[in-house]
Amino acid sequence: VHFWSNHFAISAENPRVTLIAGAFEREAIRPHVLGHFEDMLLAAERHPAMLFYLDQVRSIGPNSRFANRAAKRNAKRKPGINENLAREIMELHTLGVRSGYSQADVTEFALALTGFSTGRAQERGQAGAFTFRPGLHEPGERTIMGKTYDQSGEKQALAVLSDLAATEATATHIATKLARHFIADEPPATVVTRLAEAFRRSKGDLVAVYRALIDSPEAWQPAAAKFKTPWEWTISALRGLGRSDIGKPRLAQLLNQLGQPVWRPRSPAGYDDVAGSWAAPDALVRRVEAAQRLAAQSGDIDPRDLARKLFAGSLSELTMAEVDRAESRRTGIALLLVSPDFQRR
């Protein structure tokens, strides 16, 4: 769930998204984690949180009924399209960068997406839910990546989304991101190929892709290769210490301090998934400070017992020696939480 929420990133910094960021994960991501990629794609792109975040609700076909009426009232203020959603779908959610599409394809896709909007309180239906507005849709055929789409209304954009979900570029893009997240910052090409083939062969069945990942020998190397993000480090530290009592406000504050606030990435690309983004000196200092605070609240936990519990014999001799030499239990736990062993997964 965390991987896919970050793949289809939104930001609660947008005031119109703040109250529905949690609903986005619950409604668009969770139901499809064990389903097909196309279904998750459609759910994510039509969710109000995504439509507000990427300003799709402001996108109006320049020759739509609404635009023509607006031009009659004021010819100098004719509405137009917003390309944000179209661009991010192609660049981030499906094909990936430098995968064969052009700016013209983005513009054509943005025209096809016009009409994707949300319900209003004064209208019949559910206020705030996805609504297709025919009056905002740009009429006519669209040509995207060499294929012409002559469907009318909402069906046009849905056909484009369905095709994007099934392309080889999308299979490779998703395979690369999954391998990077679960195996290594520079994942082996053999794994990426294996996952992409599973994606294509199963028509985007995510369970089949996960199975290919789990069956990959490269996923079971004894050395931990991935540097934990602040989210991963925090969750693993709290679980290790048995801290289920920490309140949501304190947890949110801790993640803010560590640089990964919940649902607040700096861009639609989501949070970075490589060590270079999280292992800078200032970021490590913040982890040390957080580890000291958590250790101070750890009660009578023996750091040596905790080390055996967390690492089951895989802890390095150097780290174990440092924990043994610690002047207090509190210091030993802090050292364990910031050790190279614990920083990686």
Protein backbone atom coordinates (compact mmCIF):
# COMPACT_ATOMS: atom_id res chain seq x y z
CA VAL A 1 0.00 0.00 0.00
CA HIS A 2 2.76 2.42 0.93
CA PHE A 3 4.57 1.79 -2.36
CA TRP A 4 1.48 2.42 -4.47
CA SER A 5 0.38 5.47 -2.48
CA ASN A 6 3.78 6.95 -3.21
CA HIS A 7 3.60 5.92 -6.87
CA PHE A 8 0.28 7.76 -7.26
CA ALA A 9 1.45 10.60 -5.05
CA ILE A 10 -0.81 13.41 -3.91
CA SER A 11 -0.07 16.16 -1.40
CA ALA A 12 -2.17 17.27 1.53
CA GLU A 13 -0.42 20.65 1.29
CA ASN A 14 -3.11 21.45 -1.26
CA PRO A 15 -6.01 22.73 0.89
CA ARG A 16 -8.57 20.93 -1.26
CA VAL A 17 -6.73 17.63 -0.76
CA THR A 18 -6.02 17.87 2.98
CA LEU A 19 -9.25 16.28 4.18
CA ILE A 20 -9.45 13.59 1.50
CA ALA A 21 -5.83 12.37 1.32
CA GLY A 22 -6.66 9.44 3.59
CA ALA A 23 -9.77 8.65 1.56
CA PHE A 24 -7.61 8.51 -1.58
CA GLU A 25 -5.45 5.74 -0.13
CA ARG A 26 -8.46 3.91 1.27
CA GLU A 27 -10.64 4.15 -1.86
CA ALA A 28 -8.24 4.26 -4.81
CA ILE A 29 -5.21 2.28 -3.62
CA ARG A 30 -6.07 -0.36 -1.02
CA PRO A 31 -8.91 -2.09 -2.94
CA HIS A 32 -6.62 -2.69 -5.93
CA VAL A 33 -3.28 -3.66 -4.36
CA LEU A 34 -4.02 -7.33 -5.09
CA GLY A 35 -5.87 -6.63 -8.33
CA HIS A 36 -4.96 -5.33 -11.77
CA PHE A 37 -2.87 -2.25 -12.43
CA GLU A 38 -5.42 -0.82 -14.87
CA ASP A 39 -8.12 -0.82 -12.20
CA MET A 40 -5.88 1.01 -9.75
CA LEU A 41 -4.88 3.48 -12.46
CA LEU A 42 -8.50 4.31 -13.27
CA ALA A 43 -9.42 4.62 -9.60
CA ALA A 44 -6.46 6.88 -8.83
CA GLU A 45 -6.85 9.22 -11.81
CA ARG A 46 -10.59 9.69 -11.25
CA HIS A 47 -10.38 10.22 -7.51
CA PRO A 48 -11.20 13.78 -6.37
CA ALA A 49 -7.89 14.00 -4.48
CA MET A 50 -5.92 13.50 -7.71
CA LEU A 51 -8.22 15.78 -9.71
CA PHE A 52 -7.79 18.59 -7.19
CA TYR A 53 -4.07 18.01 -6.64
CA LEU A 54 -3.19 18.21 -10.34
CA ASP A 55 -5.78 20.91 -11.13
CA GLN A 56 -7.78 18.73 -13.50
CA VAL A 57 -10.99 20.33 -12.23
CA ARG A 58 -9.81 23.54 -13.94
CA SER A 59 -9.18 21.91 -17.32
CA ILE A 60 -11.73 22.96 -19.93
CA GLY A 61 -11.79 22.03 -23.60
CA PRO A 62 -11.17 25.21 -25.65
CA ASN A 63 -14.00 24.26 -28.04
CA SER A 64 -16.31 22.76 -25.44
CA ARG A 65 -19.84 24.03 -24.89
CA PHE A 66 -18.74 25.74 -21.68
CA ALA A 67 -15.80 27.48 -23.38
CA ASN A 68 -17.93 28.67 -26.27
CA ARG A 69 -20.49 30.16 -23.90
CA ALA A 70 -17.72 31.82 -21.89
CA ALA A 71 -16.21 33.29 -25.08
CA LYS A 72 -19.51 34.89 -25.97
CA ARG A 73 -19.56 36.64 -22.62
CA ASN A 74 -15.90 37.70 -22.78
CA ALA A 75 -13.80 36.79 -25.83
CA LYS A 76 -10.59 37.77 -24.03
CA ARG A 77 -11.04 35.21 -21.24
CA LYS A 78 -11.72 31.98 -23.06
CA PRO A 79 -10.98 28.93 -20.82
CA GLY A 80 -8.35 26.34 -21.74
CA ILE A 81 -6.87 23.01 -20.77
CA ASN A 82 -4.58 22.14 -17.88
CA GLU A 83 -1.98 19.51 -18.82
CA ASN A 84 -0.83 18.54 -15.33
CA LEU A 85 -2.81 15.32 -14.99
CA ALA A 86 -2.06 14.14 -18.52
CA ARG A 87 1.67 14.79 -18.12
CA GLU A 88 1.99 13.07 -14.75
CA ILE A 89 -0.03 10.05 -15.87
CA MET A 90 2.35 9.50 -18.77
CA GLU A 91 5.61 10.49 -17.08
CA LEU A 92 5.09 9.12 -13.57
CA HIS A 93 2.13 6.75 -13.39
CA THR A 94 2.47 4.71 -16.59
CA LEU A 95 5.09 5.09 -19.34
CA GLY A 96 7.94 6.79 -17.49
CA VAL A 97 10.27 9.49 -18.76
CA ARG A 98 11.85 9.27 -22.21
CA SER A 99 9.56 6.44 -23.27
CA GLY A 100 8.49 7.62 -26.70
CA TYR A 101 5.73 10.15 -26.13
CA SER A 102 5.93 13.81 -27.14
CA GLN A 103 4.58 17.12 -25.92
CA ALA A 104 1.93 16.84 -28.63
CA ASP A 105 0.82 13.53 -27.10
CA VAL A 106 0.53 15.17 -23.68
CA THR A 107 -1.62 17.96 -25.13
CA GLU A 108 -3.86 15.53 -26.98
CA PHE A 109 -4.26 13.42 -23.85
CA ALA A 110 -5.10 16.52 -21.81
CA LEU A 111 -7.85 17.32 -24.33
CA ALA A 112 -9.19 13.77 -23.99
CA LEU A 113 -9.27 14.14 -20.19
CA THR A 114 -11.37 17.30 -20.24
CA GLY A 115 -14.63 16.65 -18.44
CA PHE A 116 -13.02 14.71 -15.58
CA SER A 117 -14.26 16.68 -12.58
CA THR A 118 -16.07 16.45 -9.24
CA GLY A 119 -19.66 16.83 -8.11
CA ARG A 120 -20.92 20.03 -6.55
CA ALA A 121 -23.13 20.46 -3.52
CA GLN A 122 -25.98 22.03 -5.51
CA GLU A 123 -26.09 19.17 -8.02
CA ARG A 124 -27.79 15.83 -7.80
CA GLY A 125 -25.47 12.98 -6.91
CA GLN A 126 -22.66 12.83 -4.38
CA ALA A 127 -20.95 16.14 -3.75
CA GLY A 128 -17.19 15.86 -4.16
CA ALA A 129 -17.29 12.49 -5.94
CA PHE A 130 -15.98 11.93 -9.46
CA THR A 131 -18.23 13.38 -12.12
CA PHE A 132 -17.80 13.54 -15.87
CA ARG A 133 -18.96 16.89 -17.24
CA PRO A 134 -19.80 16.63 -20.96
CA GLY A 135 -20.02 20.41 -21.25
CA LEU A 136 -16.30 20.73 -20.43
CA HIS A 137 -15.13 17.99 -22.79
CA GLU A 138 -13.24 18.90 -25.96
CA PRO A 139 -15.11 17.38 -28.93
CA GLY A 140 -13.41 15.48 -31.72
CA GLU A 141 -10.84 12.76 -32.29
CA ARG A 142 -7.53 12.61 -30.45
CA THR A 143 -4.30 11.09 -31.77
CA ILE A 144 -1.93 9.88 -29.05
CA MET A 145 1.30 8.02 -29.73
CA GLY A 146 0.18 7.21 -33.25
CA LYS A 147 -3.27 5.88 -32.37
CA THR A 148 -6.51 7.72 -33.08
CA TYR A 149 -9.26 7.71 -30.46
CA ASP A 150 -12.69 8.55 -31.87
CA GLN A 151 -14.74 7.71 -28.78
CA SER A 152 -17.05 10.37 -27.42
CA GLY A 153 -17.13 11.85 -23.94
CA GLU A 154 -15.63 10.00 -21.00
CA LYS A 155 -15.04 6.83 -23.04
CA GLN A 156 -12.25 8.57 -24.94
CA ALA A 157 -10.01 9.15 -21.92
CA LEU A 158 -10.86 5.73 -20.50
CA ALA A 159 -9.69 4.11 -23.74
CA VAL A 160 -6.40 6.03 -23.58
CA LEU A 161 -5.86 5.04 -19.94
CA SER A 162 -6.56 1.39 -20.76
CA ASP A 163 -3.97 1.45 -23.54
CA LEU A 164 -1.38 3.21 -21.39
CA ALA A 165 -1.80 0.57 -18.68
CA ALA A 166 -1.00 -2.20 -21.19
CA THR A 167 2.08 -0.80 -22.95
CA GLU A 168 5.53 -2.36 -22.72
CA ALA A 169 6.92 0.94 -21.43
CA THR A 170 4.48 0.87 -18.52
CA ALA A 171 5.40 -2.73 -17.70
CA THR A 172 9.08 -1.81 -17.63
CA HIS A 173 8.47 1.37 -15.62
CA ILE A 174 6.43 -0.42 -12.94
CA ALA A 175 8.88 -3.33 -12.84
CA THR A 176 11.82 -0.97 -12.37
CA LYS A 177 10.14 0.92 -9.53
CA LEU A 178 9.12 -2.26 -7.71
CA ALA A 179 12.61 -3.74 -8.04
CA ARG A 180 14.18 -0.49 -6.87
CA HIS A 181 11.88 -0.31 -3.86
CA PHE A 182 12.22 -3.91 -2.70
CA ILE A 183 15.69 -5.00 -3.86
CA ALA A 184 18.24 -2.26 -4.57
CA ASP A 185 18.63 1.35 -5.65
CA GLU A 186 20.17 0.01 -8.86
CA PRO A 187 18.12 -3.15 -9.39
CA PRO A 188 19.56 -5.99 -11.48
CA ALA A 189 18.38 -5.86 -15.09
CA THR A 190 17.43 -9.54 -14.87
CA VAL A 191 14.90 -8.79 -12.15
CA VAL A 192 13.39 -5.85 -14.02
CA THR A 193 13.02 -8.00 -17.13
CA ARG A 194 11.42 -10.80 -15.13
CA LEU A 195 8.89 -8.50 -13.45
CA ALA A 196 8.06 -6.68 -16.68
CA GLU A 197 7.42 -9.99 -18.43
CA ALA A 198 5.11 -11.07 -15.58
CA PHE A 199 3.26 -7.76 -15.89
CA ARG A 200 2.79 -8.16 -19.66
CA ARG A 201 1.96 -11.86 -19.58
CA SER A 202 -0.69 -11.42 -16.87
CA LYS A 203 -2.11 -8.20 -18.36
CA GLY A 204 -1.14 -6.22 -15.30
CA ASP A 205 -2.15 -8.72 -12.61
CA LEU A 206 -0.22 -7.34 -9.66
CA VAL A 207 -0.26 -10.61 -7.71
CA ALA A 208 1.58 -12.25 -10.62
CA VAL A 209 4.15 -9.45 -10.56
CA TYR A 210 4.60 -9.75 -6.79
CA ARG A 211 5.06 -13.51 -7.15
CA ALA A 212 7.78 -12.96 -9.75
CA LEU A 213 9.46 -10.56 -7.34
CA ILE A 214 9.30 -12.98 -4.42
CA ASP A 215 10.57 -15.85 -6.58
CA SER A 216 13.61 -13.83 -7.70
CA PRO A 217 16.82 -15.06 -6.03
CA GLU A 218 18.11 -11.48 -6.07
CA ALA A 219 15.38 -10.53 -3.58
CA TRP A 220 16.83 -12.87 -0.96
CA GLN A 221 20.44 -11.74 -0.72
CA PRO A 222 21.69 -11.91 2.90
CA ALA A 223 23.10 -8.37 2.92
CA ALA A 224 20.53 -5.61 3.47
CA ALA A 225 20.81 -3.33 0.44
CA LYS A 226 18.12 -0.68 0.89
CA PHE A 227 18.65 2.37 3.10
CA LYS A 228 15.48 2.96 5.08
CA THR A 229 13.40 6.03 4.36
CA PRO A 230 12.33 8.05 7.42
CA TRP A 231 8.95 6.31 7.27
CA GLU A 232 10.52 2.84 7.23
CA TRP A 233 13.04 3.69 9.94
CA THR A 234 10.34 5.13 12.22
CA ILE A 235 7.95 2.21 11.80
CA SER A 236 10.69 -0.39 12.33
CA ALA A 237 12.01 1.45 15.40
CA LEU A 238 8.58 1.70 17.00
CA ARG A 239 7.79 -1.94 16.26
CA GLY A 240 11.12 -3.06 17.62
CA LEU A 241 10.56 -1.16 20.85
CA GLY A 242 6.96 -2.32 21.13
CA ARG A 243 5.73 1.26 21.03
CA SER A 244 2.13 0.85 19.94
CA ASP A 245 1.12 3.55 22.41
CA ILE A 246 2.52 6.52 20.51
CA GLY A 247 -0.26 8.87 19.43
CA LYS A 248 -0.90 9.93 15.85
CA PRO A 249 0.03 13.59 16.47
CA ARG A 250 3.41 12.60 17.94
CA LEU A 251 4.02 10.14 15.12
CA ALA A 252 3.21 12.80 12.53
CA GLN A 253 5.54 15.23 14.31
CA LEU A 254 8.36 12.68 14.30
CA LEU A 255 7.98 12.03 10.57
CA ASN A 256 7.92 15.78 9.93
CA GLN A 257 11.20 16.18 11.81
CA LEU A 258 12.79 13.33 9.87
CA GLY A 259 11.81 14.86 6.54
CA GLN A 260 9.01 12.61 5.31
CA PRO A 261 5.68 14.07 6.45
CA VAL A 262 2.65 11.92 5.73
CA TRP A 263 1.02 12.67 2.34
CA ARG A 264 3.17 15.73 1.76
CA PRO A 265 5.77 14.96 -0.92
CA ARG A 266 7.33 17.97 -2.59
CA SER A 267 6.26 16.93 -6.08
CA PRO A 268 3.91 14.55 -7.92
CA ALA A 269 6.88 12.17 -8.22
CA GLY A 270 6.40 11.25 -4.56
CA TYR A 271 9.17 10.60 -2.07
CA ASP A 272 12.51 9.40 -3.41
CA ASP A 273 13.31 5.72 -3.01
CA VAL A 274 17.12 5.81 -3.04
CA ALA A 275 19.72 6.25 -0.32
CA GLY A 276 21.12 9.46 -1.76
CA SER A 277 17.94 11.30 -0.82
CA TRP A 278 17.93 10.22 2.83
CA ALA A 279 21.53 9.61 3.93
CA ALA A 280 22.80 13.20 3.99
CA PRO A 281 24.64 14.27 7.19
CA ASP A 282 21.85 16.55 8.44
CA ALA A 283 19.27 13.80 7.91
CA LEU A 284 21.38 11.34 9.88
CA VAL A 285 21.76 13.84 12.71
CA ARG A 286 17.96 14.07 12.93
CA ARG A 287 17.76 10.28 13.15
CA VAL A 288 20.30 10.24 15.97
CA GLU A 289 18.23 12.80 17.86
CA ALA A 290 15.04 10.81 17.27
CA ALA A 291 16.76 7.59 18.38
CA GLN A 292 17.88 9.25 21.61
CA ARG A 293 14.34 10.40 22.36
CA LEU A 294 12.89 6.95 21.67
CA ALA A 295 15.60 5.28 23.75
CA ALA A 296 14.84 7.61 26.66
CA GLN A 297 11.27 6.28 26.67
CA SER A 298 12.18 2.61 26.26
CA GLY A 299 11.80 1.60 29.89
CA ASP A 300 13.87 -1.35 31.05
CA ILE A 301 14.52 -2.92 27.64
CA ASP A 302 17.98 -4.50 27.50
CA PRO A 303 19.67 -3.43 24.24
CA ARG A 304 21.47 -6.77 23.95
CA ASP A 305 18.19 -8.66 24.18
CA LEU A 306 16.67 -6.23 21.69
CA ALA A 307 19.57 -6.81 19.28
CA ARG A 308 19.06 -10.57 19.41
CA LYS A 309 15.32 -10.12 18.90
CA LEU A 310 15.62 -7.77 15.93
CA PHE A 311 18.54 -9.36 14.10
CA ALA A 312 18.39 -13.06 15.03
CA GLY A 313 22.14 -13.50 14.83
CA SER A 314 22.72 -11.30 11.77
CA LEU A 315 23.96 -8.23 13.67
CA SER A 316 27.54 -7.30 12.80
CA GLU A 317 30.22 -7.93 15.42
CA LEU A 318 31.18 -4.25 15.39
CA THR A 319 27.67 -3.06 16.20
CA MET A 320 27.23 -5.73 18.88
CA ALA A 321 30.50 -4.65 20.48
CA GLU A 322 29.37 -1.02 20.55
CA VAL A 323 26.07 -2.00 22.16
CA ASP A 324 27.90 -4.13 24.75
CA ARG A 325 30.20 -1.23 25.65
CA ALA A 326 27.39 1.31 25.98
CA GLU A 327 27.43 3.14 29.31
CA SER A 328 23.70 2.66 29.81
CA ARG A 329 20.73 0.77 28.42
CA ARG A 330 19.40 4.00 26.95
CA THR A 331 22.65 4.66 25.11
CA GLY A 332 22.82 1.06 23.90
CA ILE A 333 19.34 1.25 22.40
CA ALA A 334 20.09 4.57 20.71
CA LEU A 335 23.29 3.12 19.24
CA LEU A 336 21.39 0.11 17.97
CA LEU A 337 18.71 2.25 16.28
CA VAL A 338 21.27 4.35 14.42
CA SER A 339 23.66 1.51 13.59
CA PRO A 340 24.38 0.74 9.92
CA ASP A 341 22.66 -2.61 10.47
CA PHE A 342 19.37 -1.01 11.53
CA GLN A 343 19.51 1.75 8.91
CA ARG A 344 19.14 -0.79 6.12
CA ARG A 345 16.57 -3.39 5.19
